[in-house]
Amino acid sequence: MRITATLAEQLRLLIDEPGRGDRLAVGLSRLGRDVALAVPSFLAASIVLARLGGEISISTVAGAAEPAVVLASLAVPLPGATSGDEPSDILVLRAGATGAFLLLADDLDGLLGRGHPTIDVDKHLGFPPAPTTESFAASLADLRVVDQAVGVLVDRGLHPDAAGRELQRWAGDGDTTVSVVSRALLASLRTNPGRG
């Protein structure tokens, strides 16, 4: 499993604590090695962090380069992931052989028991676009702005879920994105400091 310089930089940007990004890189590498032992056609592992303002995907690829065809995938919700219509953080494994993750999906279902979030098989049959360090940093900045805006609305008395829905409503009303309305909210605090 390759940990590229781009992935290492993305992890450094994502995790603002010295050494923690390196530990996550080692964990991803180990996960890839273990999955490759169980699934010989294993191609890549991705962690998709979904938030109100969008999502960020970090991936590590087995072998020298991304292959042209992904024929199997397994998406497992990460601990603390939400359900229903809310964003959910997931681990996505991809392979080059049809049905490669069917046994692993059955094993996971049995281990997790009833009531766990759904494990999706073969719903991610392509590689996520590879972000540049600059686009990754911009996406991360958008998510941080949204988190800050949610915090402002929570300070005003809204529950975090209601604050998120309010930002989504504002974005819909303005035919724009949640990150744009979040930036506008934060800018209004700087121009009217008494409103926070």
Protein backbone atom coordinates (compact mmCIF):
# COMPACT_ATOMS: atom_id res chain seq x y z
CA MET A 1 0.00 0.00 0.00
CA ARG A 2 1.49 3.32 -1.10
CA ILE A 3 1.45 6.40 1.08
CA THR A 4 2.24 9.07 -1.48
CA ALA A 5 3.69 12.48 -0.68
CA THR A 6 0.29 13.99 -1.61
CA LEU A 7 -1.55 11.69 0.80
CA ALA A 8 0.95 12.44 3.58
CA GLU A 9 0.42 16.18 3.03
CA GLN A 10 -3.38 15.76 3.01
CA LEU A 11 -3.22 13.88 6.30
CA ARG A 12 -1.01 16.61 7.75
CA LEU A 13 -3.57 19.24 6.71
CA LEU A 14 -6.50 17.18 7.98
CA ILE A 15 -5.01 16.36 11.37
CA ASP A 16 -3.56 19.43 12.99
CA GLU A 17 -1.62 17.52 15.64
CA PRO A 18 2.06 16.61 15.17
CA GLY A 19 2.58 12.92 14.45
CA ARG A 20 -1.11 12.01 14.35
CA GLY A 21 -1.31 12.17 10.55
CA ASP A 22 1.73 9.89 10.38
CA ARG A 23 -0.02 7.38 12.67
CA LEU A 24 -3.12 7.46 10.45
CA ALA A 25 -0.92 6.89 7.38
CA VAL A 26 0.66 3.85 9.06
CA GLY A 27 -2.81 2.57 9.99
CA LEU A 28 -4.07 2.99 6.43
CA SER A 29 -1.02 1.19 5.10
CA ARG A 30 -1.53 -1.68 7.55
CA LEU A 31 -5.24 -1.88 6.69
CA GLY A 32 -4.39 -2.06 3.00
CA ARG A 33 -1.88 -4.82 3.59
CA ASP A 34 -4.38 -6.85 5.66
CA VAL A 35 -7.19 -6.40 3.12
CA ALA A 36 -4.84 -7.35 0.27
CA LEU A 37 -4.15 -10.66 2.06
CA ALA A 38 -7.89 -11.41 2.23
CA VAL A 39 -8.78 -9.93 -1.18
CA PRO A 40 -5.98 -10.44 -3.75
CA SER A 41 -7.56 -8.04 -6.28
CA PHE A 42 -7.62 -5.21 -3.71
CA LEU A 43 -6.83 -1.85 -5.32
CA ALA A 44 -7.39 1.04 -2.90
CA ALA A 45 -8.72 2.24 0.44
CA SER A 46 -10.41 5.61 0.88
CA ILE A 47 -11.73 7.44 3.89
CA VAL A 48 -14.59 9.75 2.98
CA LEU A 49 -15.36 12.41 5.57
CA ALA A 50 -18.81 13.79 4.83
CA ARG A 51 -19.90 17.03 6.42
CA LEU A 52 -22.59 19.62 5.93
CA GLY A 53 -20.36 21.69 3.66
CA GLY A 54 -19.26 18.81 1.46
CA GLU A 55 -16.95 15.87 1.69
CA ILE A 56 -13.25 15.14 1.72
CA SER A 57 -11.79 11.90 0.44
CA ILE A 58 -8.32 10.64 1.19
CA SER A 59 -7.14 7.52 -0.60
CA THR A 60 -4.22 5.18 -0.70
CA VAL A 61 -3.64 2.94 -3.70
CA ALA A 62 -2.20 -0.57 -3.87
CA GLY A 63 0.45 -1.03 -6.53
CA ALA A 64 2.03 1.54 -8.78
CA ALA A 65 -0.98 3.44 -10.12
CA GLU A 66 -4.75 3.65 -10.23
CA PRO A 67 -6.18 0.93 -12.44
CA ALA A 68 -8.74 1.74 -15.10
CA VAL A 69 -11.54 -0.46 -13.76
CA VAL A 70 -12.95 -1.01 -10.27
CA LEU A 71 -15.26 -4.04 -10.30
CA ALA A 72 -16.05 -4.37 -6.58
CA SER A 73 -16.33 -2.12 -3.57
CA LEU A 74 -17.21 -2.25 0.10
CA ALA A 75 -18.28 0.87 2.00
CA VAL A 76 -18.36 0.62 5.78
CA PRO A 77 -19.72 3.48 7.93
CA LEU A 78 -17.13 4.64 10.43
CA PRO A 79 -17.87 4.82 14.16
CA GLY A 80 -20.01 7.84 14.98
CA ALA A 81 -21.35 7.97 11.41
CA THR A 82 -24.87 9.26 11.03
CA SER A 83 -27.71 7.54 9.27
CA GLY A 84 -30.66 8.45 7.11
CA ASP A 85 -30.31 11.60 5.01
CA GLU A 86 -27.41 12.98 7.06
CA PRO A 87 -23.80 12.82 5.81
CA SER A 88 -21.88 9.75 6.88
CA ASP A 89 -18.14 9.11 7.19
CA ILE A 90 -17.20 5.87 5.44
CA LEU A 91 -14.27 3.62 4.67
CA VAL A 92 -14.39 2.48 1.03
CA LEU A 93 -12.39 -0.50 -0.18
CA ARG A 94 -12.06 -1.11 -3.94
CA ALA A 95 -11.01 -4.20 -5.89
CA GLY A 96 -10.54 -5.29 -9.49
CA ALA A 97 -12.48 -8.59 -9.35
CA THR A 98 -16.26 -8.89 -9.39
CA GLY A 99 -17.70 -10.00 -6.03
CA ALA A 100 -14.37 -9.55 -4.26
CA PHE A 101 -15.93 -8.23 -1.03
CA LEU A 102 -19.04 -10.42 -0.72
CA LEU A 103 -17.55 -12.75 1.92
CA LEU A 104 -15.98 -9.86 3.82
CA ALA A 105 -19.33 -8.01 3.82
CA ASP A 106 -21.08 -11.11 5.23
CA ASP A 107 -18.40 -11.50 7.90
CA LEU A 108 -18.70 -7.83 8.89
CA ASP A 109 -22.49 -8.06 9.07
CA GLY A 110 -22.16 -11.00 11.43
CA LEU A 111 -19.54 -9.28 13.60
CA LEU A 112 -21.41 -5.99 13.86
CA GLY A 113 -24.78 -7.57 14.66
CA ARG A 114 -28.22 -6.06 14.23
CA GLY A 115 -28.84 -2.33 14.11
CA HIS A 116 -25.51 -1.25 12.64
CA PRO A 117 -25.44 1.22 9.74
CA THR A 118 -25.72 -0.37 6.31
CA ILE A 119 -22.62 -1.78 4.67
CA ASP A 120 -22.77 -1.04 0.94
CA VAL A 121 -21.39 -3.52 -1.55
CA ASP A 122 -20.47 -2.48 -5.11
CA LYS A 123 -21.85 1.08 -4.91
CA HIS A 124 -18.46 2.82 -5.35
CA LEU A 125 -17.19 1.37 -8.62
CA GLY A 126 -14.79 4.13 -9.52
CA PHE A 127 -11.95 6.05 -7.98
CA PRO A 128 -12.73 9.35 -6.31
CA PRO A 129 -11.14 12.28 -8.13
CA ALA A 130 -7.61 12.76 -6.84
CA PRO A 131 -7.52 16.19 -5.23
CA THR A 132 -4.46 18.35 -5.43
CA THR A 133 -3.00 19.57 -2.17
CA GLU A 134 -4.46 23.01 -2.96
CA SER A 135 -8.00 21.75 -3.68
CA PHE A 136 -7.83 19.50 -0.61
CA ALA A 137 -6.81 22.47 1.56
CA ALA A 138 -9.67 24.56 0.07
CA SER A 139 -12.21 21.79 0.77
CA LEU A 140 -10.91 21.45 4.30
CA ALA A 141 -11.20 25.23 4.79
CA ASP A 142 -14.83 25.09 3.58
CA LEU A 143 -15.66 22.38 6.11
CA ARG A 144 -14.01 24.32 8.93
CA VAL A 145 -16.01 27.46 8.05
CA VAL A 146 -19.24 25.44 8.14
CA ASP A 147 -18.29 23.99 11.53
CA GLN A 148 -17.65 27.50 12.86
CA ALA A 149 -21.00 28.75 11.52
CA VAL A 150 -22.78 25.83 13.17
CA GLY A 151 -21.02 26.81 16.41
CA VAL A 152 -22.29 30.39 16.08
CA LEU A 153 -25.86 29.17 15.66
CA VAL A 154 -25.48 26.77 18.58
CA ASP A 155 -24.31 29.74 20.69
CA ARG A 156 -27.55 31.45 19.65
CA GLY A 157 -29.56 28.56 21.10
CA LEU A 158 -30.04 26.13 18.23
CA HIS A 159 -29.34 22.42 18.54
CA PRO A 160 -26.42 21.39 16.23
CA ASP A 161 -28.78 19.46 13.91
CA ALA A 162 -31.14 22.45 13.71
CA ALA A 163 -28.18 24.76 13.05
CA GLY A 164 -27.12 22.57 10.14
CA ARG A 165 -30.62 22.54 8.72
CA GLU A 166 -30.79 26.33 9.04
CA LEU A 167 -27.54 26.74 7.09
CA GLN A 168 -28.88 24.37 4.43
CA ARG A 169 -32.11 26.37 4.23
CA TRP A 170 -30.18 29.64 3.82
CA ALA A 171 -28.07 28.05 1.10
CA GLY A 172 -31.19 26.81 -0.70
CA ASP A 173 -32.91 30.19 -0.40
CA GLY A 174 -29.83 31.90 -1.83
CA ASP A 175 -29.18 29.22 -4.47
CA THR A 176 -25.64 28.86 -3.17
CA THR A 177 -23.58 26.52 -1.01
CA VAL A 178 -23.54 26.00 2.72
CA SER A 179 -19.91 27.17 2.85
CA VAL A 180 -20.83 30.48 1.17
CA VAL A 181 -23.63 31.25 3.65
CA SER A 182 -21.36 30.15 6.50
CA ARG A 183 -18.68 32.61 5.38
CA ALA A 184 -21.33 35.34 5.15
CA LEU A 185 -22.51 34.59 8.69
CA LEU A 186 -18.95 34.73 10.05
CA ALA A 187 -18.25 37.95 8.12
CA SER A 188 -21.37 39.54 9.62
CA LEU A 189 -19.96 38.86 13.09
CA ARG A 190 -16.79 40.74 12.21
CA THR A 191 -18.76 43.76 10.93
CA ASN A 192 -21.33 43.59 13.77
CA PRO A 193 -19.43 42.14 16.75
CA GLY A 194 -22.39 42.52 19.11
CA ARG A 195 -24.49 40.00 17.12
CA GLY A 196 -22.51 36.88 18.13
